Amino acid sequence: TLVCIAVCIYVSHKVSHTISSPIDHLIHHTRTIKEGIWTPVQEECSDTEIGELFKAFNSMITAQEKLKNDLLESQKMKTKISLDLLQQQVNPHFLYNTLDNICSLAEIDEKETLIDIVMNLSTFYREGLSNGKFYITIKEELEITEAYLHIMQVRYFNKFDYYIHCPRSLYEYPCLKLLLQPIVENSIYHGIKELEYKGILEIMVTEYTDAIRIVVQDNGIGFSKEAYDQIWQTGSDHFGIKNIHQRIQLYYGTEYGLEIANRPEGGCITTITIGKEAANQNGLKSSDR
């Protein structure tokens, strides 16, 4: 009788362990999923019912992971479309003002200046449209920016000078297009334009191990804390700045982006940091450059 009891206890314990051990493992795995680790459970189970339970659980995890990825991709695409549509709103007022300048120059028969401004306007929009490409080279981005600055120099005659410093070795690196124009526009309209003396605007491109940094600085009036807070608010007049930051983080990652601050010696400094490899990972081919 004692032997039978001992055997029954052993068998009962063995059967219980066979069932409870996989269940405990499954419960533990559900906790990891709750923490955001969406991986199928790895467990060999000979019991038919328990094995089916694990298969059903893994099937659910796979389906949920696919659904999550689809939702993230859908949200990412929605954000891309939203930001790209917003980007199209950055320059219309610049075009209107330039056309007004062209009319004025035509009326006073300033032919050379008129030709100059029309050629730069053509360069700005030809390069800016860039056949619908998201990425262009740094050289092309600087050409767009220089065309814009040249037009603004005609509009604000003798109001500011600009300098662009970029090593030739960085010319062919890809970057998102129209990163700089809203920044230099902001420097001119909200900083340099208000000066009683001549403004200076500098653009410097520097290479780092895994990133490229573009710094835009001016000797304008700078900005207040209220103006800084307004830059990051939805619907502000500075929406182009916020848009740049969002686009960089969307296409390059959250470790990159845009920073803006007052310079100790006066004026504003804006720093753009983009990744070297992110563009290729986002599908940029050599034919797209």
C-alpha atoms as a PDB file:
ATOM      1  CA  THR A   1       0.000   0.000   0.000  1.00  0.00           C
ATOM      2  CA  LEU A   2       2.794   2.398   0.899  1.00  0.00           C
ATOM      3  CA  VAL A   3       4.588   1.581  -2.340  1.00  0.00           C
ATOM      4  CA  CYS A   4       1.396   2.218  -4.327  1.00  0.00           C
ATOM      5  CA  ILE A   5       0.857   5.520  -2.529  1.00  0.00           C
ATOM      6  CA  ALA A   6       4.451   6.569  -3.228  1.00  0.00           C
ATOM      7  CA  VAL A   7       4.131   5.622  -6.900  1.00  0.00           C
ATOM      8  CA  CYS A   8       0.818   7.536  -7.167  1.00  0.00           C
ATOM      9  CA  ILE A   9       2.356  10.617  -5.556  1.00  0.00           C
ATOM     10  CA  TYR A  10       5.368  10.462  -7.887  1.00  0.00           C
ATOM     11  CA  VAL A  11       3.219   9.975 -11.007  1.00  0.00           C
ATOM     12  CA  SER A  12       0.851  12.721  -9.886  1.00  0.00           C
ATOM     13  CA  HIS A  13       3.757  15.106  -9.289  1.00  0.00           C
ATOM     14  CA  LYS A  14       5.283  14.196 -12.662  1.00  0.00           C
ATOM     15  CA  VAL A  15       2.020  14.768 -14.523  1.00  0.00           C
ATOM     16  CA  SER A  16       1.397  18.011 -12.630  1.00  0.00           C
ATOM     17  CA  HIS A  17       4.900  19.248 -13.429  1.00  0.00           C
ATOM     18  CA  THR A  18       4.478  18.303 -17.085  1.00  0.00           C
ATOM     19  CA  ILE A  19       1.434  20.553 -17.241  1.00  0.00           C
ATOM     20  CA  SER A  20       2.363  23.323 -14.809  1.00  0.00           C
ATOM     21  CA  SER A  21       5.928  23.913 -16.048  1.00  0.00           C
ATOM     22  CA  PRO A  22       4.909  24.905 -19.618  1.00  0.00           C
ATOM     23  CA  ILE A  23       2.036  26.973 -18.245  1.00  0.00           C
ATOM     24  CA  ASP A  24       4.399  28.807 -15.873  1.00  0.00           C
ATOM     25  CA  HIS A  25       6.748  29.427 -18.786  1.00  0.00           C
ATOM     26  CA  LEU A  26       3.853  30.787 -20.836  1.00  0.00           C
ATOM     27  CA  ILE A  27       2.785  33.098 -17.991  1.00  0.00           C
ATOM     28  CA  HIS A  28       6.339  34.382 -17.631  1.00  0.00           C
ATOM     29  CA  HIS A  29       6.515  35.000 -21.374  1.00  0.00           C
ATOM     30  CA  THR A  30       3.284  37.006 -21.338  1.00  0.00           C
ATOM     31  CA  ARG A  31       4.961  39.348 -18.827  1.00  0.00           C
ATOM     32  CA  THR A  32       7.819  39.981 -21.269  1.00  0.00           C
ATOM     33  CA  ILE A  33       5.286  40.744 -23.978  1.00  0.00           C
ATOM     34  CA  LYS A  34       3.615  43.223 -21.647  1.00  0.00           C
ATOM     35  CA  GLU A  35       7.005  44.955 -21.444  1.00  0.00           C
ATOM     36  CA  GLY A  36       7.078  45.282 -25.242  1.00  0.00           C
ATOM     37  CA  ILE A  37       9.196  42.233 -26.214  1.00  0.00           C
ATOM     38  CA  TRP A  38       7.011  40.666 -28.897  1.00  0.00           C
ATOM     39  CA  THR A  39       8.730  37.324 -29.514  1.00  0.00           C
ATOM     40  CA  PRO A  40       7.109  33.860 -29.885  1.00  0.00           C
ATOM     41  CA  VAL A  41       7.475  31.536 -26.934  1.00  0.00           C
ATOM     42  CA  GLN A  42      10.107  28.803 -27.354  1.00  0.00           C
ATOM     43  CA  GLU A  43       9.036  25.633 -25.589  1.00  0.00           C
ATOM     44  CA  GLU A  44       9.052  21.975 -26.643  1.00  0.00           C
ATOM     45  CA  CYS A  45       5.908  20.321 -25.341  1.00  0.00           C
ATOM     46  CA  SER A  46       4.853  16.760 -26.098  1.00  0.00           C
ATOM     47  CA  ASP A  47       1.400  17.141 -24.567  1.00  0.00           C
ATOM     48  CA  THR A  48      -1.088  17.623 -27.404  1.00  0.00           C
ATOM     49  CA  GLU A  49      -3.359  20.142 -25.672  1.00  0.00           C
ATOM     50  CA  ILE A  50      -0.498  22.183 -24.211  1.00  0.00           C
ATOM     51  CA  GLY A  51       1.343  22.050 -27.532  1.00  0.00           C
ATOM     52  CA  GLU A  52      -1.744  23.389 -29.335  1.00  0.00           C
ATOM     53  CA  LEU A  53      -1.998  26.136 -26.734  1.00  0.00           C
ATOM     54  CA  PHE A  54       1.602  27.198 -27.458  1.00  0.00           C
ATOM     55  CA  LYS A  55       0.982  27.122 -31.225  1.00  0.00           C
ATOM     56  CA  ALA A  56      -2.139  29.264 -30.820  1.00  0.00           C
ATOM     57  CA  PHE A  57      -0.244  31.670 -28.555  1.00  0.00           C
ATOM     58  CA  ASN A  58       2.627  32.022 -31.039  1.00  0.00           C
ATOM     59  CA  SER A  59       0.167  32.501 -33.876  1.00  0.00           C
ATOM     60  CA  MET A  60      -1.470  35.304 -31.892  1.00  0.00           C
ATOM     61  CA  ILE A  61       1.931  36.922 -31.212  1.00  0.00           C
ATOM     62  CA  THR A  62       2.865  36.775 -34.914  1.00  0.00           C
ATOM     63  CA  ALA A  63      -0.462  38.307 -35.924  1.00  0.00           C
ATOM     64  CA  GLN A  64      -0.171  41.062 -33.296  1.00  0.00           C
ATOM     65  CA  GLU A  65       3.405  41.848 -34.321  1.00  0.00           C
ATOM     66  CA  LYS A  66       2.356  42.139 -37.979  1.00  0.00           C
ATOM     67  CA  LEU A  67      -0.582  44.341 -37.009  1.00  0.00           C
ATOM     68  CA  LYS A  68       1.694  46.557 -34.913  1.00  0.00           C
ATOM     69  CA  ASN A  69       4.237  46.894 -37.739  1.00  0.00           C
ATOM     70  CA  ASP A  70       1.484  47.642 -40.256  1.00  0.00           C
ATOM     71  CA  LEU A  71       0.057  50.327 -37.970  1.00  0.00           C
ATOM     72  CA  LEU A  72       3.488  51.854 -37.387  1.00  0.00           C
ATOM     73  CA  GLU A  73       4.225  51.862 -41.113  1.00  0.00           C
ATOM     74  CA  SER A  74       0.816  53.340 -41.822  1.00  0.00           C
ATOM     75  CA  GLN A  75       1.372  56.053 -39.209  1.00  0.00           C
ATOM     76  CA  LYS A  76       4.852  56.720 -40.555  1.00  0.00           C
ATOM     77  CA  MET A  77       3.491  57.094 -44.093  1.00  0.00           C
ATOM     78  CA  LYS A  78       0.716  59.354 -42.829  1.00  0.00           C
ATOM     79  CA  THR A  79       3.304  61.505 -41.043  1.00  0.00           C
ATOM     80  CA  LYS A  80       5.478  61.624 -44.183  1.00  0.00           C
ATOM     81  CA  ILE A  81       2.562  62.774 -46.303  1.00  0.00           C
ATOM     82  CA  SER A  82       1.551  65.343 -43.694  1.00  0.00           C
ATOM     83  CA  LEU A  83       5.071  66.757 -43.399  1.00  0.00           C
ATOM     84  CA  ASP A  84       5.622  66.766 -47.149  1.00  0.00           C
ATOM     85  CA  LEU A  85       2.356  68.611 -47.705  1.00  0.00           C
ATOM     86  CA  LEU A  86       3.345  71.084 -45.005  1.00  0.00           C
ATOM     87  CA  GLN A  87       6.709  71.533 -46.701  1.00  0.00           C
ATOM     88  CA  GLN A  88       4.938  72.712 -49.842  1.00  0.00           C
ATOM     89  CA  GLN A  89       3.566  75.675 -47.853  1.00  0.00           C
ATOM     90  CA  VAL A  90       7.005  76.988 -46.900  1.00  0.00           C
ATOM     91  CA  ASN A  91       7.816  79.050 -49.991  1.00  0.00           C
ATOM     92  CA  PRO A  92       4.689  80.581 -51.653  1.00  0.00           C
ATOM     93  CA  HIS A  93       5.034  83.990 -49.998  1.00  0.00           C
ATOM     94  CA  PHE A  94       8.695  84.057 -51.063  1.00  0.00           C
ATOM     95  CA  LEU A  95       7.605  83.502 -54.687  1.00  0.00           C
ATOM     96  CA  TYR A  96       4.967  86.245 -54.478  1.00  0.00           C
ATOM     97  CA  ASN A  97       7.456  88.745 -53.050  1.00  0.00           C
ATOM     98  CA  THR A  98      10.055  87.850 -55.673  1.00  0.00           C
ATOM     99  CA  LEU A  99       7.536  88.297 -58.496  1.00  0.00           C
ATOM    100  CA  ASP A 100       6.702  91.722 -57.055  1.00  0.00           C
ATOM    101  CA  ASN A 101      10.408  92.572 -57.118  1.00  0.00           C
ATOM    102  CA  ILE A 102      10.644  91.403 -60.720  1.00  0.00           C
ATOM    103  CA  CYS A 103       7.742  93.672 -61.706  1.00  0.00           C
ATOM    104  CA  SER A 104       9.374  96.614 -59.931  1.00  0.00           C
ATOM    105  CA  LEU A 105      12.729  95.984 -61.629  1.00  0.00           C
ATOM    106  CA  ALA A 106      11.003  95.740 -65.025  1.00  0.00           C
ATOM    107  CA  GLU A 107       9.245  99.072 -64.456  1.00  0.00           C
ATOM    108  CA  ILE A 108      12.508 100.894 -63.716  1.00  0.00           C
ATOM    109  CA  ASP A 109      14.302  99.070 -66.579  1.00  0.00           C
ATOM    110  CA  GLU A 110      16.952  97.394 -64.388  1.00  0.00           C
ATOM    111  CA  LYS A 111      17.645  94.722 -66.989  1.00  0.00           C
ATOM    112  CA  GLU A 112      20.824  93.199 -65.542  1.00  0.00           C
ATOM    113  CA  THR A 113      19.404  92.893 -62.037  1.00  0.00           C
ATOM    114  CA  LEU A 114      16.144  91.587 -63.472  1.00  0.00           C
ATOM    115  CA  ILE A 115      17.930  88.839 -65.434  1.00  0.00           C
ATOM    116  CA  ASP A 116      20.002  87.969 -62.378  1.00  0.00           C
ATOM    117  CA  ILE A 117      17.004  87.584 -60.079  1.00  0.00           C
ATOM    118  CA  VAL A 118      15.012  85.571 -62.655  1.00  0.00           C
ATOM    119  CA  MET A 119      17.944  83.172 -63.198  1.00  0.00           C
ATOM    120  CA  ASN A 120      18.334  82.634 -59.455  1.00  0.00           C
ATOM    121  CA  LEU A 121      14.592  82.145 -59.039  1.00  0.00           C
ATOM    122  CA  SER A 122      14.718  79.539 -61.807  1.00  0.00           C
ATOM    123  CA  THR A 123      17.634  77.770 -60.076  1.00  0.00           C
ATOM    124  CA  PHE A 124      15.853  77.832 -56.737  1.00  0.00           C
ATOM    125  CA  TYR A 125      12.691  76.166 -58.005  1.00  0.00           C
ATOM    126  CA  ARG A 126      14.364  73.828 -60.490  1.00  0.00           C
ATOM    127  CA  GLU A 127      16.672  72.436 -57.812  1.00  0.00           C
ATOM    128  CA  GLY A 128      13.983  72.637 -55.138  1.00  0.00           C
ATOM    129  CA  LEU A 129      11.528  70.536 -57.120  1.00  0.00           C
ATOM    130  CA  SER A 130      14.308  68.049 -58.037  1.00  0.00           C
ATOM    131  CA  ASN A 131      11.929  65.745 -59.921  1.00  0.00           C
ATOM    132  CA  GLY A 132       9.996  64.947 -56.776  1.00  0.00           C
ATOM    133  CA  LYS A 133      12.995  63.389 -54.991  1.00  0.00           C
ATOM    134  CA  PHE A 134      13.122  63.433 -51.191  1.00  0.00           C
ATOM    135  CA  TYR A 135      16.923  63.486 -51.142  1.00  0.00           C
ATOM    136  CA  ILE A 136      19.414  65.616 -53.017  1.00  0.00           C
ATOM    137  CA  THR A 137      23.145  66.097 -52.537  1.00  0.00           C
ATOM    138  CA  ILE A 138      24.551  68.614 -50.067  1.00  0.00           C
ATOM    139  CA  LYS A 139      25.992  70.490 -53.046  1.00  0.00           C
ATOM    140  CA  GLU A 140      22.505  70.831 -54.568  1.00  0.00           C
ATOM    141  CA  GLU A 141      21.048  71.901 -51.235  1.00  0.00           C
ATOM    142  CA  LEU A 142      23.686  74.631 -50.934  1.00  0.00           C
ATOM    143  CA  GLU A 143      22.980  75.763 -54.509  1.00  0.00           C
ATOM    144  CA  ILE A 144      19.277  76.125 -53.689  1.00  0.00           C
ATOM    145  CA  THR A 145      20.140  78.096 -50.557  1.00  0.00           C
ATOM    146  CA  GLU A 146      22.629  80.337 -52.364  1.00  0.00           C
ATOM    147  CA  ALA A 147      20.074  81.109 -55.086  1.00  0.00           C
ATOM    148  CA  TYR A 148      17.589  82.092 -52.384  1.00  0.00           C
ATOM    149  CA  LEU A 149      20.161  84.249 -50.561  1.00  0.00           C
ATOM    150  CA  HIS A 150      21.150  85.979 -53.784  1.00  0.00           C
ATOM    151  CA  ILE A 151      17.519  86.898 -54.451  1.00  0.00           C
ATOM    152  CA  MET A 152      17.159  88.209 -50.892  1.00  0.00           C
ATOM    153  CA  GLN A 153      20.290  90.320 -51.349  1.00  0.00           C
ATOM    154  CA  VAL A 154      18.614  91.977 -54.314  1.00  0.00           C
ATOM    155  CA  ARG A 155      15.449  92.545 -52.322  1.00  0.00           C
ATOM    156  CA  TYR A 156      17.321  93.859 -49.251  1.00  0.00           C
ATOM    157  CA  PHE A 157      20.051  95.704 -51.103  1.00  0.00           C
ATOM    158  CA  ASN A 158      23.292  96.039 -49.133  1.00  0.00           C
ATOM    159  CA  LYS A 159      21.559  94.748 -46.005  1.00  0.00           C
ATOM    160  CA  PHE A 160      23.636  91.603 -45.425  1.00  0.00           C
ATOM    161  CA  ASP A 161      26.478  89.427 -46.707  1.00  0.00           C
ATOM    162  CA  TYR A 162      26.591  85.654 -46.587  1.00  0.00           C
ATOM    163  CA  TYR A 163      29.374  83.050 -46.500  1.00  0.00           C
ATOM    164  CA  ILE A 164      29.131  79.304 -47.159  1.00  0.00           C
ATOM    165  CA  HIS A 165      31.859  76.913 -45.978  1.00  0.00           C
ATOM    166  CA  CYS A 166      31.665  73.266 -47.060  1.00  0.00           C
ATOM    167  CA  PRO A 167      34.516  70.842 -47.846  1.00  0.00           C
ATOM    168  CA  ARG A 168      34.282  69.436 -51.372  1.00  0.00           C
ATOM    169  CA  SER A 169      34.497  65.940 -49.881  1.00  0.00           C
ATOM    170  CA  LEU A 170      30.951  66.429 -48.510  1.00  0.00           C
ATOM    171  CA  TYR A 171      29.354  67.688 -51.733  1.00  0.00           C
ATOM    172  CA  GLU A 172      28.013  64.310 -52.834  1.00  0.00           C
ATOM    173  CA  TYR A 173      26.555  63.225 -49.493  1.00  0.00           C
ATOM    174  CA  PRO A 174      22.749  62.947 -49.677  1.00  0.00           C
ATOM    175  CA  CYS A 175      20.448  65.017 -47.503  1.00  0.00           C
ATOM    176  CA  LEU A 176      16.768  65.873 -47.335  1.00  0.00           C
ATOM    177  CA  LYS A 177      16.003  68.745 -49.651  1.00  0.00           C
ATOM    178  CA  LEU A 178      15.021  72.222 -48.441  1.00  0.00           C
ATOM    179  CA  LEU A 179      16.584  71.863 -45.009  1.00  0.00           C
ATOM    180  CA  LEU A 180      18.319  75.242 -45.108  1.00  0.00           C
ATOM    181  CA  GLN A 181      15.962  77.655 -46.881  1.00  0.00           C
ATOM    182  CA  PRO A 182      13.448  78.030 -44.011  1.00  0.00           C
ATOM    183  CA  ILE A 183      16.337  78.585 -41.587  1.00  0.00           C
ATOM    184  CA  VAL A 184      18.074  81.301 -43.589  1.00  0.00           C
ATOM    185  CA  GLU A 185      14.662  82.859 -44.262  1.00  0.00           C
ATOM    186  CA  ASN A 186      14.056  82.930 -40.522  1.00  0.00           C
ATOM    187  CA  SER A 187      17.497  84.519 -39.950  1.00  0.00           C
ATOM    188  CA  ILE A 188      16.789  87.264 -42.486  1.00  0.00           C
ATOM    189  CA  TYR A 189      13.179  88.077 -41.616  1.00  0.00           C
ATOM    190  CA  HIS A 190      13.392  87.755 -37.825  1.00  0.00           C
ATOM    191  CA  GLY A 191      17.011  88.743 -37.192  1.00  0.00           C
ATOM    192  CA  ILE A 192      19.025  90.544 -39.837  1.00  0.00           C
ATOM    193  CA  LYS A 193      16.201  92.646 -41.318  1.00  0.00           C
ATOM    194  CA  GLU A 194      15.804  94.518 -38.026  1.00  0.00           C
ATOM    195  CA  LEU A 195      19.471  95.535 -37.791  1.00  0.00           C
ATOM    196  CA  GLU A 196      20.659  99.106 -38.204  1.00  0.00           C
ATOM    197  CA  TYR A 197      24.019  97.802 -39.390  1.00  0.00           C
ATOM    198  CA  LYS A 198      25.032  95.227 -41.983  1.00  0.00           C
ATOM    199  CA  GLY A 199      24.110  91.639 -41.233  1.00  0.00           C
ATOM    200  CA  ILE A 200      26.325  88.598 -41.635  1.00  0.00           C
ATOM    201  CA  LEU A 201      24.970  85.101 -42.298  1.00  0.00           C
ATOM    202  CA  GLU A 202      27.255  82.061 -42.298  1.00  0.00           C
ATOM    203  CA  ILE A 203      26.621  78.445 -43.259  1.00  0.00           C
ATOM    204  CA  MET A 204      29.186  75.829 -42.196  1.00  0.00           C
ATOM    205  CA  VAL A 205      29.062  72.109 -43.054  1.00  0.00           C
ATOM    206  CA  THR A 206      31.177  69.746 -40.944  1.00  0.00           C
ATOM    207  CA  GLU A 207      31.714  65.991 -41.059  1.00  0.00           C
ATOM    208  CA  TYR A 208      31.687  63.741 -37.986  1.00  0.00           C
ATOM    209  CA  THR A 209      32.156  59.984 -37.598  1.00  0.00           C
ATOM    210  CA  ASP A 210      28.556  58.993 -38.271  1.00  0.00           C
ATOM    211  CA  ALA A 211      26.892  62.349 -38.879  1.00  0.00           C
ATOM    212  CA  ILE A 212      27.034  65.594 -40.825  1.00  0.00           C
ATOM    213  CA  ARG A 213      26.392  68.873 -39.035  1.00  0.00           C
ATOM    214  CA  ILE A 214      25.194  72.035 -40.761  1.00  0.00           C
ATOM    215  CA  VAL A 215      25.397  75.243 -38.734  1.00  0.00           C
ATOM    216  CA  VAL A 216      23.619  78.451 -39.740  1.00  0.00           C
ATOM    217  CA  GLN A 217      24.458  81.543 -37.698  1.00  0.00           C
ATOM    218  CA  ASP A 218      23.763  85.248 -38.001  1.00  0.00           C
ATOM    219  CA  ASN A 219      24.532  88.467 -36.130  1.00  0.00           C
ATOM    220  CA  GLY A 220      20.872  89.507 -35.930  1.00  0.00           C
ATOM    221  CA  ILE A 221      18.771  90.474 -32.944  1.00  0.00           C
ATOM    222  CA  GLY A 222      18.302  86.921 -31.640  1.00  0.00           C
ATOM    223  CA  PHE A 223      15.021  85.854 -30.071  1.00  0.00           C
ATOM    224  CA  SER A 224      13.208  85.936 -26.744  1.00  0.00           C
ATOM    225  CA  LYS A 225      12.066  82.910 -24.726  1.00  0.00           C
ATOM    226  CA  GLU A 226       8.495  83.571 -25.885  1.00  0.00           C
ATOM    227  CA  ALA A 227       9.614  83.582 -29.521  1.00  0.00           C
ATOM    228  CA  TYR A 228      11.564  80.349 -28.949  1.00  0.00           C
ATOM    229  CA  ASP A 229       8.519  78.635 -27.450  1.00  0.00           C
ATOM    230  CA  GLN A 230       6.394  79.836 -30.356  1.00  0.00           C
ATOM    231  CA  ILE A 231       8.739  78.200 -32.874  1.00  0.00           C
ATOM    232  CA  TRP A 232       7.703  74.748 -31.636  1.00  0.00           C
ATOM    233  CA  GLN A 233       3.983  75.475 -31.439  1.00  0.00           C
ATOM    234  CA  THR A 234       1.585  74.218 -34.085  1.00  0.00           C
ATOM    235  CA  GLY A 235       0.329  76.976 -36.341  1.00  0.00           C
ATOM    236  CA  SER A 236       3.123  79.472 -35.628  1.00  0.00           C
ATOM    237  CA  ASP A 237       4.730  81.677 -38.278  1.00  0.00           C
ATOM    238  CA  HIS A 238       7.929  79.639 -37.839  1.00  0.00           C
ATOM    239  CA  PHE A 239       6.342  76.312 -38.798  1.00  0.00           C
ATOM    240  CA  GLY A 240       9.151  75.695 -41.327  1.00  0.00           C
ATOM    241  CA  ILE A 241      11.665  75.288 -38.471  1.00  0.00           C
ATOM    242  CA  LYS A 242       9.543  72.740 -36.619  1.00  0.00           C
ATOM    243  CA  ASN A 243       8.856  70.974 -39.909  1.00  0.00           C
ATOM    244  CA  ILE A 244      12.582  70.543 -40.560  1.00  0.00           C
ATOM    245  CA  HIS A 245      13.132  68.999 -37.127  1.00  0.00           C
ATOM    246  CA  GLN A 246      10.226  66.577 -37.618  1.00  0.00           C
ATOM    247  CA  ARG A 247      11.361  65.574 -41.102  1.00  0.00           C
ATOM    248  CA  ILE A 248      14.932  64.903 -39.928  1.00  0.00           C
ATOM    249  CA  GLN A 249      13.761  62.720 -37.046  1.00  0.00           C
ATOM    250  CA  LEU A 250      11.332  60.857 -39.289  1.00  0.00           C
ATOM    251  CA  TYR A 251      13.883  60.040 -41.993  1.00  0.00           C
ATOM    252  CA  TYR A 252      17.103  59.817 -39.953  1.00  0.00           C
ATOM    253  CA  GLY A 253      16.033  58.829 -36.432  1.00  0.00           C
ATOM    254  CA  THR A 254      15.322  60.531 -33.134  1.00  0.00           C
ATOM    255  CA  GLU A 255      19.020  60.966 -32.315  1.00  0.00           C
ATOM    256  CA  TYR A 256      19.217  63.571 -35.085  1.00  0.00           C
ATOM    257  CA  GLY A 257      17.375  66.842 -35.554  1.00  0.00           C
ATOM    258  CA  LEU A 258      17.564  70.609 -35.232  1.00  0.00           C
ATOM    259  CA  GLU A 259      18.636  72.865 -32.373  1.00  0.00           C
ATOM    260  CA  ILE A 260      18.281  76.628 -32.228  1.00  0.00           C
ATOM    261  CA  ALA A 261      19.776  79.045 -29.695  1.00  0.00           C
ATOM    262  CA  ASN A 262      20.970  82.609 -29.168  1.00  0.00           C
ATOM    263  CA  ARG A 263      24.666  83.271 -29.731  1.00  0.00           C
ATOM    264  CA  PRO A 264      26.545  84.769 -26.742  1.00  0.00           C
ATOM    265  CA  GLU A 265      27.942  87.489 -29.026  1.00  0.00           C
ATOM    266  CA  GLY A 266      24.503  88.264 -30.453  1.00  0.00           C
ATOM    267  CA  GLY A 267      22.329  86.745 -33.123  1.00  0.00           C
ATOM    268  CA  CYS A 268      21.035  83.231 -33.608  1.00  0.00           C
ATOM    269  CA  ILE A 269      22.694  79.866 -34.262  1.00  0.00           C
ATOM    270  CA  THR A 270      20.834  76.875 -35.706  1.00  0.00           C
ATOM    271  CA  THR A 271      22.424  73.432 -35.846  1.00  0.00           C
ATOM    272  CA  ILE A 272      21.162  70.648 -38.110  1.00  0.00           C
ATOM    273  CA  THR A 273      22.498  67.144 -37.505  1.00  0.00           C
ATOM    274  CA  ILE A 274      21.777  64.369 -40.015  1.00  0.00           C
ATOM    275  CA  GLY A 275      23.074  60.816 -40.278  1.00  0.00           C
ATOM    276  CA  LYS A 276      25.451  59.666 -42.978  1.00  0.00           C
ATOM    277  CA  GLU A 277      23.878  56.263 -43.514  1.00  0.00           C
ATOM    278  CA  ALA A 278      20.206  56.964 -42.820  1.00  0.00           C
ATOM    279  CA  ALA A 279      19.518  58.151 -46.355  1.00  0.00           C
ATOM    280  CA  ASN A 280      20.726  54.892 -47.865  1.00  0.00           C
ATOM    281  CA  GLN A 281      18.686  52.907 -45.352  1.00  0.00           C
ATOM    282  CA  ASN A 282      15.602  54.838 -46.411  1.00  0.00           C
ATOM    283  CA  GLY A 283      15.939  53.649 -49.978  1.00  0.00           C
ATOM    284  CA  LEU A 284      18.140  56.301 -51.612  1.00  0.00           C
ATOM    285  CA  LYS A 285      19.747  54.880 -54.729  1.00  0.00           C
ATOM    286  CA  SER A 286      22.632  56.368 -56.639  1.00  0.00           C
ATOM    287  CA  SER A 287      20.186  57.271 -59.420  1.00  0.00           C
ATOM    288  CA  ASP A 288      18.173  59.351 -56.925  1.00  0.00           C
ATOM    289  CA  ARG A 289      21.073  61.648 -56.078  1.00  0.00           C
END
